[in-house]
PDB file of all heavy atoms in Angstrom:
ATOM      1  N   VAL A   1      -1.832  26.911  20.781  1.00  0.00           N
ATOM      2  CA  VAL A   1      -2.875  27.819  21.202  1.00  0.00           C
ATOM      3  C   VAL A   1      -3.773  27.118  22.213  1.00  0.00           C
ATOM      4  O   VAL A   1      -4.283  27.866  23.008  1.00  0.00           O
ATOM      5  CB  VAL A   1      -3.676  28.176  19.948  1.00  0.00           C
ATOM      6  CG1 VAL A   1      -5.073  28.854  20.341  1.00  0.00           C
ATOM      7  CG2 VAL A   1      -2.946  29.205  19.062  1.00  0.00           C
ATOM      8  N   ILE A   2      -4.042  25.814  22.142  1.00  0.00           N
ATOM      9  CA  ILE A   2      -4.830  25.031  23.174  1.00  0.00           C
ATOM     10  C   ILE A   2      -3.942  24.730  24.337  1.00  0.00           C
ATOM     11  O   ILE A   2      -4.427  24.207  25.318  1.00  0.00           O
ATOM     12  CB  ILE A   2      -5.552  23.863  22.645  1.00  0.00           C
ATOM     13  CG1 ILE A   2      -4.513  22.884  22.116  1.00  0.00           C
ATOM     14  CG2 ILE A   2      -6.507  24.304  21.511  1.00  0.00           C
ATOM     15  CD1 ILE A   2      -5.200  21.468  21.640  1.00  0.00           C
ATOM     16  N   HIS A   3      -2.679  25.014  24.351  1.00  0.00           N
ATOM     17  CA  HIS A   3      -1.814  24.932  25.577  1.00  0.00           C
ATOM     18  C   HIS A   3      -1.676  23.438  25.958  1.00  0.00           C
ATOM     19  O   HIS A   3      -1.792  23.107  27.130  1.00  0.00           O
ATOM     20  CB  HIS A   3      -2.157  25.835  26.670  1.00  0.00           C
ATOM     21  CG  HIS A   3      -2.201  27.205  26.376  1.00  0.00           C
ATOM     22  ND1 HIS A   3      -1.040  27.954  26.064  1.00  0.00           N
ATOM     23  CD2 HIS A   3      -3.204  28.121  26.335  1.00  0.00           C
ATOM     24  CE1 HIS A   3      -1.508  29.213  25.711  1.00  0.00           C
ATOM     25  NE2 HIS A   3      -2.767  29.255  25.835  1.00  0.00           N
ATOM     26  N   ASP A   4      -1.621  22.458  25.058  1.00  0.00           N
ATOM     27  CA  ASP A   4      -1.499  21.085  25.294  1.00  0.00           C
ATOM     28  C   ASP A   4      -0.125  20.607  25.115  1.00  0.00           C
ATOM     29  O   ASP A   4       0.277  20.485  23.985  1.00  0.00           O
ATOM     30  CB  ASP A   4      -2.537  20.284  24.536  1.00  0.00           C
ATOM     31  CG  ASP A   4      -2.610  18.861  24.873  1.00  0.00           C
ATOM     32  OD1 ASP A   4      -1.615  18.122  24.918  1.00  0.00           O
ATOM     33  OD2 ASP A   4      -3.728  18.425  25.014  1.00  0.00           O
ATOM     34  N   GLU A   5       0.676  20.370  26.211  1.00  0.00           N
ATOM     35  CA  GLU A   5       2.101  20.062  26.078  1.00  0.00           C
ATOM     36  C   GLU A   5       2.390  18.796  25.286  1.00  0.00           C
ATOM     37  O   GLU A   5       3.381  18.610  24.587  1.00  0.00           O
ATOM     38  CB  GLU A   5       2.647  19.881  27.436  1.00  0.00           C
ATOM     39  CG  GLU A   5       2.772  21.153  28.195  1.00  0.00           C
ATOM     40  CD  GLU A   5       3.623  22.216  27.378  1.00  0.00           C
ATOM     41  OE1 GLU A   5       4.688  21.871  26.832  1.00  0.00           O
ATOM     42  OE2 GLU A   5       3.290  23.442  27.522  1.00  0.00           O
ATOM     43  N   LYS A   6       1.501  17.771  25.415  1.00  0.00           N
ATOM     44  CA  LYS A   6       1.670  16.557  24.675  1.00  0.00           C
ATOM     45  C   LYS A   6       1.470  16.760  23.197  1.00  0.00           C
ATOM     46  O   LYS A   6       2.265  16.227  22.379  1.00  0.00           O
ATOM     47  CB  LYS A   6       0.629  15.397  25.208  1.00  0.00           C
ATOM     48  CG  LYS A   6       1.070  14.946  26.629  1.00  0.00           C
ATOM     49  CD  LYS A   6       0.094  13.806  27.029  1.00  0.00           C
ATOM     50  CE  LYS A   6       0.489  13.222  28.445  1.00  0.00           C
ATOM     51  NZ  LYS A   6      -0.431  12.142  28.862  1.00  0.00           N
ATOM     52  N   TRP A   7       0.436  17.585  22.853  1.00  0.00           N
ATOM     53  CA  TRP A   7       0.242  17.726  21.500  1.00  0.00           C
ATOM     54  C   TRP A   7       1.373  18.661  20.858  1.00  0.00           C
ATOM     55  O   TRP A   7       1.812  18.527  19.713  1.00  0.00           O
ATOM     56  CB  TRP A   7      -1.073  18.517  21.273  1.00  0.00           C
ATOM     57  CG  TRP A   7      -2.295  17.526  21.045  1.00  0.00           C
ATOM     58  CD1 TRP A   7      -3.396  17.630  21.718  1.00  0.00           C
ATOM     59  CD2 TRP A   7      -2.371  16.519  20.007  1.00  0.00           C
ATOM     60  NE1 TRP A   7      -4.297  16.617  21.236  1.00  0.00           N
ATOM     61  CE2 TRP A   7      -3.623  15.925  20.198  1.00  0.00           C
ATOM     62  CE3 TRP A   7      -1.613  15.915  19.126  1.00  0.00           C
ATOM     63  CZ2 TRP A   7      -4.165  14.765  19.492  1.00  0.00           C
ATOM     64  CZ3 TRP A   7      -2.012  14.787  18.318  1.00  0.00           C
ATOM     65  CH2 TRP A   7      -3.163  14.273  18.576  1.00  0.00           C
ATOM     66  N   ILE A   8       1.861  19.625  21.672  1.00  0.00           N
ATOM     67  CA  ILE A   8       2.943  20.549  21.307  1.00  0.00           C
ATOM     68  C   ILE A   8       4.167  19.645  20.866  1.00  0.00           C
ATOM     69  O   ILE A   8       4.760  19.826  19.806  1.00  0.00           O
ATOM     70  CB  ILE A   8       3.300  21.548  22.358  1.00  0.00           C
ATOM     71  CG1 ILE A   8       2.119  22.599  22.414  1.00  0.00           C
ATOM     72  CG2 ILE A   8       4.609  22.262  22.009  1.00  0.00           C
ATOM     73  CD1 ILE A   8       2.347  23.504  23.612  1.00  0.00           C
ATOM     74  N   GLU A   9       4.523  18.725  21.777  1.00  0.00           N
ATOM     75  CA  GLU A   9       5.664  17.850  21.606  1.00  0.00           C
ATOM     76  C   GLU A   9       5.525  17.017  20.251  1.00  0.00           C
ATOM     77  O   GLU A   9       6.376  16.856  19.513  1.00  0.00           O
ATOM     78  CB  GLU A   9       5.908  16.980  22.730  1.00  0.00           C
ATOM     79  CG  GLU A   9       7.171  16.066  22.632  1.00  0.00           C
ATOM     80  CD  GLU A   9       7.332  15.186  23.814  1.00  0.00           C
ATOM     81  OE1 GLU A   9       6.585  15.249  24.738  1.00  0.00           O
ATOM     82  OE2 GLU A   9       8.305  14.410  23.805  1.00  0.00           O
ATOM     83  N   ARG A  10       4.205  16.462  20.247  1.00  0.00           N
ATOM     84  CA  ARG A  10       4.032  15.614  18.923  1.00  0.00           C
ATOM     85  C   ARG A  10       4.117  16.325  17.771  1.00  0.00           C
ATOM     86  O   ARG A  10       4.654  15.999  16.711  1.00  0.00           O
ATOM     87  CB  ARG A  10       2.647  14.803  19.181  1.00  0.00           C
ATOM     88  CG  ARG A  10       2.256  13.997  18.030  1.00  0.00           C
ATOM     89  CD  ARG A  10       3.116  12.651  18.002  1.00  0.00           C
ATOM     90  NE  ARG A  10       2.700  11.945  16.951  1.00  0.00           N
ATOM     91  CZ  ARG A  10       3.500  11.434  15.913  1.00  0.00           C
ATOM     92  NH1 ARG A  10       4.784  11.919  15.957  1.00  0.00           N
ATOM     93  NH2 ARG A  10       3.034  10.589  15.007  1.00  0.00           N
ATOM     94  N   MET A  11       3.389  17.469  17.609  1.00  0.00           N
ATOM     95  CA  MET A  11       3.336  18.241  16.477  1.00  0.00           C
ATOM     96  C   MET A  11       4.604  19.014  16.055  1.00  0.00           C
ATOM     97  O   MET A  11       4.856  19.002  14.908  1.00  0.00           O
ATOM     98  CB  MET A  11       2.049  19.299  16.609  1.00  0.00           C
ATOM     99  CG  MET A  11       0.754  18.657  16.521  1.00  0.00           C
ATOM    100  SD  MET A  11       0.500  17.665  14.979  1.00  0.00           S
ATOM    101  CE  MET A  11      -0.902  16.696  15.518  1.00  0.00           C
ATOM    102  N   GLU A  12       5.340  19.329  17.070  1.00  0.00           N
ATOM    103  CA  GLU A  12       6.649  19.957  16.667  1.00  0.00           C
ATOM    104  C   GLU A  12       7.664  18.845  16.264  1.00  0.00           C
ATOM    105  O   GLU A  12       8.458  19.155  15.275  1.00  0.00           O
ATOM    106  CB  GLU A  12       7.185  20.649  17.958  1.00  0.00           C
ATOM    107  CG  GLU A  12       6.361  21.971  18.203  1.00  0.00           C
ATOM    108  CD  GLU A  12       7.040  22.867  19.320  1.00  0.00           C
ATOM    109  OE1 GLU A  12       7.972  22.346  19.979  1.00  0.00           O
ATOM    110  OE2 GLU A  12       6.615  23.950  19.367  1.00  0.00           O
ATOM    111  N   THR A  13       7.455  17.718  16.644  1.00  0.00           N
ATOM    112  CA  THR A  13       8.287  16.540  16.221  1.00  0.00           C
ATOM    113  C   THR A  13       7.950  16.271  14.730  1.00  0.00           C
ATOM    114  O   THR A  13       8.839  16.156  13.922  1.00  0.00           O
ATOM    115  CB  THR A  13       8.185  15.250  17.054  1.00  0.00           C
ATOM    116  OG1 THR A  13       8.568  15.512  18.404  1.00  0.00           O
ATOM    117  CG2 THR A  13       8.962  14.056  16.435  1.00  0.00           C
ATOM    118  N   ILE A  14       6.614  16.209  14.426  1.00  0.00           N
ATOM    119  CA  ILE A  14       6.247  15.979  13.117  1.00  0.00           C
ATOM    120  C   ILE A  14       6.586  17.145  12.159  1.00  0.00           C
ATOM    121  O   ILE A  14       7.030  17.001  11.060  1.00  0.00           O
ATOM    122  CB  ILE A  14       4.649  15.804  13.020  1.00  0.00           C
ATOM    123  CG1 ILE A  14       4.231  14.477  13.563  1.00  0.00           C
ATOM    124  CG2 ILE A  14       4.111  16.036  11.624  1.00  0.00           C
ATOM    125  CD1 ILE A  14       2.850  14.277  13.736  1.00  0.00           C
ATOM    126  N   ALA A  15       6.571  18.432  12.645  1.00  0.00           N
ATOM    127  CA  ALA A  15       7.059  19.567  11.885  1.00  0.00           C
ATOM    128  C   ALA A  15       8.444  19.462  11.462  1.00  0.00           C
ATOM    129  O   ALA A  15       8.757  19.709  10.320  1.00  0.00           O
ATOM    130  CB  ALA A  15       6.739  20.846  12.774  1.00  0.00           C
ATOM    131  N   VAL A  16       9.399  19.018  12.332  1.00  0.00           N
ATOM    132  CA  VAL A  16      10.646  18.863  11.909  1.00  0.00           C
ATOM    133  C   VAL A  16      10.941  17.760  10.949  1.00  0.00           C
ATOM    134  O   VAL A  16      11.648  17.958   9.945  1.00  0.00           O
ATOM    135  CB  VAL A  16      11.598  18.603  13.163  1.00  0.00           C
ATOM    136  CG1 VAL A  16      13.053  18.412  12.863  1.00  0.00           C
ATOM    137  CG2 VAL A  16      11.521  19.756  14.153  1.00  0.00           C
ATOM    138  N   GLN A  17      10.088  16.763  11.140  1.00  0.00           N
ATOM    139  CA  GLN A  17      10.220  15.526  10.167  1.00  0.00           C
ATOM    140  C   GLN A  17       9.754  16.022   8.818  1.00  0.00           C
ATOM    141  O   GLN A  17      10.563  15.714   7.816  1.00  0.00           O
ATOM    142  CB  GLN A  17       9.267  14.340  10.574  1.00  0.00           C
ATOM    143  CG  GLN A  17       9.757  13.466  11.629  1.00  0.00           C
ATOM    144  CD  GLN A  17       8.713  12.375  11.855  1.00  0.00           C
ATOM    145  OE1 GLN A  17       7.969  12.429  12.935  1.00  0.00           O
ATOM    146  NE2 GLN A  17       8.564  11.505  11.023  1.00  0.00           N
ATOM    147  N   VAL A  18       8.751  16.630   8.779  1.00  0.00           N
ATOM    148  CA  VAL A  18       8.151  17.148   7.448  1.00  0.00           C
ATOM    149  C   VAL A  18       9.052  18.208   6.789  1.00  0.00           C
ATOM    150  O   VAL A  18       9.343  18.050   5.597  1.00  0.00           O
ATOM    151  CB  VAL A  18       6.743  17.708   7.663  1.00  0.00           C
ATOM    152  CG1 VAL A  18       6.276  18.414   6.492  1.00  0.00           C
ATOM    153  CG2 VAL A  18       5.750  16.587   8.106  1.00  0.00           C
ATOM    154  N   THR A  19       9.600  19.153   7.578  1.00  0.00           N
ATOM    155  CA  THR A  19      10.454  20.194   7.011  1.00  0.00           C
ATOM    156  C   THR A  19      11.643  19.487   6.400  1.00  0.00           C
ATOM    157  O   THR A  19      12.098  19.824   5.358  1.00  0.00           O
ATOM    158  CB  THR A  19      10.837  21.078   8.082  1.00  0.00           C
ATOM    159  OG1 THR A  19       9.599  21.780   8.565  1.00  0.00           O
ATOM    160  CG2 THR A  19      11.706  22.332   7.521  1.00  0.00           C
ATOM    161  N   ASP A  20      12.319  18.565   7.168  1.00  0.00           N
ATOM    162  CA  ASP A  20      13.447  17.955   6.698  1.00  0.00           C
ATOM    163  C   ASP A  20      13.134  17.071   5.358  1.00  0.00           C
ATOM    164  O   ASP A  20      13.963  17.043   4.450  1.00  0.00           O
ATOM    165  CB  ASP A  20      14.050  16.878   7.639  1.00  0.00           C
ATOM    166  CG  ASP A  20      14.676  17.598   8.766  1.00  0.00           C
ATOM    167  OD1 ASP A  20      15.146  18.656   8.668  1.00  0.00           O
ATOM    168  OD2 ASP A  20      14.856  16.977   9.834  1.00  0.00           O
ATOM    169  N   LYS A  21      11.898  16.612   5.211  1.00  0.00           N
ATOM    170  CA  LYS A  21      11.493  15.799   4.069  1.00  0.00           C
ATOM    171  C   LYS A  21      11.341  16.850   2.942  1.00  0.00           C
ATOM    172  O   LYS A  21      11.724  16.464   1.700  1.00  0.00           O
ATOM    173  CB  LYS A  21      10.224  15.051   4.312  1.00  0.00           C
ATOM    174  CG  LYS A  21       9.940  13.981   3.222  1.00  0.00           C
ATOM    175  CD  LYS A  21      10.953  12.932   3.299  1.00  0.00           C
ATOM    176  CE  LYS A  21      10.614  11.781   2.297  1.00  0.00           C
ATOM    177  NZ  LYS A  21      11.622  10.693   2.148  1.00  0.00           N
ATOM    178  N   VAL A  22      10.662  17.868   3.129  1.00  0.00           N
ATOM    179  CA  VAL A  22      10.501  18.881   2.009  1.00  0.00           C
ATOM    180  C   VAL A  22      11.906  19.331   1.618  1.00  0.00           C
ATOM    181  O   VAL A  22      12.111  19.546   0.425  1.00  0.00           O
ATOM    182  CB  VAL A  22       9.664  20.052   2.544  1.00  0.00           C
ATOM    183  CG1 VAL A  22       9.692  21.263   1.537  1.00  0.00           C
ATOM    184  CG2 VAL A  22       8.214  19.583   2.746  1.00  0.00           C
ATOM    185  N   ILE A  23      12.816  19.664   2.451  1.00  0.00           N
ATOM    186  CA  ILE A  23      14.105  19.995   2.132  1.00  0.00           C
ATOM    187  C   ILE A  23      14.819  18.985   1.216  1.00  0.00           C
ATOM    188  O   ILE A  23      15.337  19.277   0.162  1.00  0.00           O
ATOM    189  CB  ILE A  23      15.107  20.265   3.346  1.00  0.00           C
ATOM    190  CG1 ILE A  23      14.582  21.583   4.057  1.00  0.00           C
ATOM    191  CG2 ILE A  23      16.469  20.471   2.930  1.00  0.00           C
ATOM    192  CD1 ILE A  23      15.252  21.842   5.458  1.00  0.00           C
ATOM    193  N   HIS A  24      14.675  17.670   1.596  1.00  0.00           N
ATOM    194  CA  HIS A  24      15.355  16.637   0.894  1.00  0.00           C
ATOM    195  C   HIS A  24      14.632  16.368  -0.501  1.00  0.00           C
ATOM    196  O   HIS A  24      15.429  16.156  -1.451  1.00  0.00           O
ATOM    197  CB  HIS A  24      15.298  15.333   1.716  1.00  0.00           C
ATOM    198  CG  HIS A  24      16.119  14.215   1.174  1.00  0.00           C
ATOM    199  ND1 HIS A  24      15.469  13.245   0.281  1.00  0.00           N
ATOM    200  CD2 HIS A  24      17.339  13.833   1.218  1.00  0.00           C
ATOM    201  CE1 HIS A  24      16.266  12.444  -0.052  1.00  0.00           C
ATOM    202  NE2 HIS A  24      17.532  12.704   0.502  1.00  0.00           N
ATOM    203  N   ASP A  25      13.306  16.285  -0.435  1.00  0.00           N
ATOM    204  CA  ASP A  25      12.534  15.885  -1.645  1.00  0.00           C
ATOM    205  C   ASP A  25      12.163  16.936  -2.539  1.00  0.00           C
ATOM    206  O   ASP A  25      11.964  16.810  -3.830  1.00  0.00           O
ATOM    207  CB  ASP A  25      11.422  15.026  -1.318  1.00  0.00           C
ATOM    208  CG  ASP A  25      11.777  13.726  -0.726  1.00  0.00           C
ATOM    209  OD1 ASP A  25      13.001  13.451  -0.649  1.00  0.00           O
ATOM    210  OD2 ASP A  25      10.754  13.025  -0.278  1.00  0.00           O
ATOM    211  N   GLY A  26      11.977  18.138  -1.996  1.00  0.00           N
ATOM    212  CA  GLY A  26      11.298  19.192  -2.717  1.00  0.00           C
ATOM    213  C   GLY A  26      12.001  20.514  -2.939  1.00  0.00           C
ATOM    214  O   GLY A  26      11.375  21.361  -3.614  1.00  0.00           O
ATOM    215  N   MET A  27      13.210  20.624  -2.617  1.00  0.00           N
ATOM    216  CA  MET A  27      13.923  21.874  -2.832  1.00  0.00           C
ATOM    217  C   MET A  27      14.875  21.754  -4.067  1.00  0.00           C
ATOM    218  O   MET A  27      15.539  20.714  -4.092  1.00  0.00           O
ATOM    219  CB  MET A  27      14.667  22.230  -1.608  1.00  0.00           C
ATOM    220  CG  MET A  27      14.000  22.936  -0.535  1.00  0.00           C
ATOM    221  SD  MET A  27      14.919  23.748   0.692  1.00  0.00           S
ATOM    222  CE  MET A  27      13.737  24.677   1.542  1.00  0.00           C
ATOM    223  N   ASP A  28      14.923  22.825  -4.788  1.00  0.00           N
ATOM    224  CA  ASP A  28      15.853  22.883  -5.847  1.00  0.00           C
ATOM    225  C   ASP A  28      17.259  23.296  -5.267  1.00  0.00           C
ATOM    226  O   ASP A  28      17.376  23.729  -4.192  1.00  0.00           O
ATOM    227  CB  ASP A  28      15.324  23.847  -6.837  1.00  0.00           C
ATOM    228  CG  ASP A  28      15.873  23.756  -8.220  1.00  0.00           C
ATOM    229  OD1 ASP A  28      16.905  22.888  -8.397  1.00  0.00           O
ATOM    230  OD2 ASP A  28      15.420  24.400  -9.281  1.00  0.00           O
ATOM    231  N   ARG A  29      18.180  23.299  -6.200  1.00  0.00           N
ATOM    232  CA  ARG A  29      19.529  23.701  -5.669  1.00  0.00           C
ATOM    233  C   ARG A  29      19.627  25.135  -5.281  1.00  0.00           C
ATOM    234  O   ARG A  29      20.524  25.434  -4.344  1.00  0.00           O
ATOM    235  CB  ARG A  29      20.556  23.434  -6.806  1.00  0.00           C
ATOM    236  CG  ARG A  29      20.813  21.967  -7.023  1.00  0.00           C
ATOM    237  CD  ARG A  29      21.676  21.659  -8.247  1.00  0.00           C
ATOM    238  NE  ARG A  29      21.051  22.083  -9.448  1.00  0.00           N
ATOM    239  CZ  ARG A  29      21.539  21.983 -10.681  1.00  0.00           C
ATOM    240  NH1 ARG A  29      22.819  21.427 -10.838  1.00  0.00           N
ATOM    241  NH2 ARG A  29      20.789  22.342 -11.687  1.00  0.00           N
ATOM    242  N   ASP A  30      18.810  25.972  -5.734  1.00  0.00           N
ATOM    243  CA  ASP A  30      18.842  27.363  -5.362  1.00  0.00           C
ATOM    244  C   ASP A  30      18.004  27.640  -4.137  1.00  0.00           C
ATOM    245  O   ASP A  30      17.880  28.800  -3.693  1.00  0.00           O
ATOM    246  CB  ASP A  30      18.386  28.271  -6.502  1.00  0.00           C
ATOM    247  CG  ASP A  30      16.910  27.948  -6.959  1.00  0.00           C
ATOM    248  OD1 ASP A  30      16.223  27.194  -6.267  1.00  0.00           O
ATOM    249  OD2 ASP A  30      16.570  28.409  -8.105  1.00  0.00           O
ATOM    250  N   GLY A  31      17.386  26.554  -3.421  1.00  0.00           N
ATOM    251  CA  GLY A  31      16.671  26.817  -2.251  1.00  0.00           C
ATOM    252  C   GLY A  31      15.159  26.864  -2.399  1.00  0.00           C
ATOM    253  O   GLY A  31      14.347  26.814  -1.418  1.00  0.00           O
ATOM    254  N   SER A  32      14.736  27.242  -3.663  1.00  0.00           N
ATOM    255  CA  SER A  32      13.265  27.247  -3.866  1.00  0.00           C
ATOM    256  C   SER A  32      12.715  25.945  -3.853  1.00  0.00           C
ATOM    257  O   SER A  32      13.297  24.864  -3.863  1.00  0.00           O
ATOM    258  CB  SER A  32      13.050  27.896  -5.319  1.00  0.00           C
ATOM    259  OG  SER A  32      13.666  27.109  -6.317  1.00  0.00           O
ATOM    260  N   VAL A  33      11.304  26.019  -3.693  1.00  0.00           N
ATOM    261  CA  VAL A  33      10.590  24.700  -3.449  1.00  0.00           C
ATOM    262  C   VAL A  33       9.705  24.334  -4.714  1.00  0.00           C
ATOM    263  O   VAL A  33       8.978  25.233  -5.175  1.00  0.00           O
ATOM    264  CB  VAL A  33       9.714  24.794  -2.269  1.00  0.00           C
ATOM    265  CG1 VAL A  33       8.952  23.428  -1.938  1.00  0.00           C
ATOM    266  CG2 VAL A  33      10.648  25.166  -1.010  1.00  0.00           C
ATOM    267  N   PHE A  34       9.743  23.254  -5.167  1.00  0.00           N
ATOM    268  CA  PHE A  34       8.966  22.655  -6.243  1.00  0.00           C
ATOM    269  C   PHE A  34       7.539  22.585  -5.874  1.00  0.00           C
ATOM    270  O   PHE A  34       7.173  22.619  -4.576  1.00  0.00           O
ATOM    271  CB  PHE A  34       9.500  21.343  -6.699  1.00  0.00           C
ATOM    272  CG  PHE A  34      10.886  21.327  -7.275  1.00  0.00           C
ATOM    273  CD1 PHE A  34      11.802  20.358  -6.832  1.00  0.00           C
ATOM    274  CD2 PHE A  34      11.211  22.197  -8.349  1.00  0.00           C
ATOM    275  CE1 PHE A  34      13.069  20.289  -7.309  1.00  0.00           C
ATOM    276  CE2 PHE A  34      12.564  22.139  -8.799  1.00  0.00           C
ATOM    277  CZ  PHE A  34      13.492  21.186  -8.327  1.00  0.00           C
ATOM    278  N   TYR A  35       6.649  22.468  -6.844  1.00  0.00           N
ATOM    279  CA  TYR A  35       5.210  22.470  -6.557  1.00  0.00           C
ATOM    280  C   TYR A  35       4.597  21.204  -5.975  1.00  0.00           C
ATOM    281  O   TYR A  35       4.197  21.211  -4.880  1.00  0.00           O
ATOM    282  CB  TYR A  35       4.467  22.845  -7.822  1.00  0.00           C
ATOM    283  CG  TYR A  35       2.919  22.929  -7.787  1.00  0.00           C
ATOM    284  CD1 TYR A  35       2.435  23.638  -6.688  1.00  0.00           C
ATOM    285  CD2 TYR A  35       2.085  22.254  -8.399  1.00  0.00           C
ATOM    286  CE1 TYR A  35       1.054  23.846  -6.590  1.00  0.00           C
ATOM    287  CE2 TYR A  35       0.699  22.393  -8.422  1.00  0.00           C
ATOM    288  CZ  TYR A  35       0.175  23.195  -7.363  1.00  0.00           C
ATOM    289  OH  TYR A  35      -1.193  23.291  -7.252  1.00  0.00           O
ATOM    290  N   GLU A  36       4.835  20.055  -6.740  1.00  0.00           N
ATOM    291  CA  GLU A  36       4.314  18.819  -6.232  1.00  0.00           C
ATOM    292  C   GLU A  36       4.934  17.665  -6.855  1.00  0.00           C
ATOM    293  O   GLU A  36       5.685  17.820  -7.931  1.00  0.00           O
ATOM    294  CB  GLU A  36       2.775  18.779  -6.414  1.00  0.00           C
ATOM    295  CG  GLU A  36       2.308  18.887  -7.824  1.00  0.00           C
ATOM    296  CD  GLU A  36       0.771  18.890  -8.065  1.00  0.00           C
ATOM    297  OE1 GLU A  36       0.055  18.966  -7.137  1.00  0.00           O
ATOM    298  OE2 GLU A  36       0.304  18.800  -9.301  1.00  0.00           O
ATOM    299  N   LYS A  37       4.661  16.427  -6.440  1.00  0.00           N
ATOM    300  CA  LYS A  37       5.166  15.260  -7.086  1.00  0.00           C
ATOM    301  C   LYS A  37       3.906  14.300  -7.233  1.00  0.00           C
ATOM    302  O   LYS A  37       3.192  13.971  -6.324  1.00  0.00           O
ATOM    303  CB  LYS A  37       6.141  14.586  -6.098  1.00  0.00           C
ATOM    304  CG  LYS A  37       6.901  13.378  -6.649  1.00  0.00           C
ATOM    305  CD  LYS A  37       7.924  12.981  -5.662  1.00  0.00           C
ATOM    306  CE  LYS A  37       8.788  11.748  -6.211  1.00  0.00           C
ATOM    307  NZ  LYS A  37       9.832  11.363  -5.326  1.00  0.00           N
ATOM    308  N   ILE A  38       3.703  13.769  -8.349  1.00  0.00           N
ATOM    309  CA  ILE A  38       2.632  12.889  -8.856  1.00  0.00           C
ATOM    310  C   ILE A  38       3.229  11.768  -9.584  1.00  0.00           C
ATOM    311  O   ILE A  38       3.914  11.844 -10.561  1.00  0.00           O
ATOM    312  CB  ILE A  38       1.597  13.627  -9.677  1.00  0.00           C
ATOM    313  CG1 ILE A  38       0.982  14.865  -8.966  1.00  0.00           C
ATOM    314  CG2 ILE A  38       0.485  12.610 -10.038  1.00  0.00           C
ATOM    315  CD1 ILE A  38      -0.070  15.653  -9.758  1.00  0.00           C
ATOM    316  N   ASP A  39       2.882  10.514  -9.131  1.00  0.00           N
ATOM    317  CA  ASP A  39       3.422   9.333  -9.754  1.00  0.00           C
ATOM    318  C   ASP A  39       4.851   9.276  -9.984  1.00  0.00           C
ATOM    319  O   ASP A  39       5.342   8.857 -10.918  1.00  0.00           O
ATOM    320  CB  ASP A  39       2.658   9.127 -11.150  1.00  0.00           C
ATOM    321  CG  ASP A  39       1.182   8.796 -10.956  1.00  0.00           C
ATOM    322  OD1 ASP A  39       0.738   8.221  -9.986  1.00  0.00           O
ATOM    323  OD2 ASP A  39       0.376   9.293 -11.861  1.00  0.00           O
ATOM    324  N   GLY A  40       5.637   9.892  -8.937  1.00  0.00           N
ATOM    325  CA  GLY A  40       7.014   9.952  -8.993  1.00  0.00           C
ATOM    326  C   GLY A  40       7.591  10.994  -9.827  1.00  0.00           C
ATOM    327  O   GLY A  40       8.889  11.097  -9.858  1.00  0.00           O
ATOM    328  N   LEU A  41       6.803  11.862 -10.484  1.00  0.00           N
ATOM    329  CA  LEU A  41       7.297  12.945 -11.305  1.00  0.00           C
ATOM    330  C   LEU A  41       7.046  14.292 -10.594  1.00  0.00           C
ATOM    331  O   LEU A  41       5.983  14.448 -10.220  1.00  0.00           O
ATOM    332  CB  LEU A  41       6.669  12.954 -12.675  1.00  0.00           C
ATOM    333  CG  LEU A  41       6.852  11.691 -13.504  1.00  0.00           C
ATOM    334  CD1 LEU A  41       5.999  11.787 -14.804  1.00  0.00           C
ATOM    335  CD2 LEU A  41       8.219  11.418 -13.847  1.00  0.00           C
TER     336      LEU A  41
END
């Protein structure tokens, strides 16, 4: 929205990182997403 190419590149890179991490750590086998993780649980 602020049309900043450096921020776009940085934030989209983070977005892919975060999305991959949620898929790896937070998704159940049926594709749904768990709520949260506290103290490893």
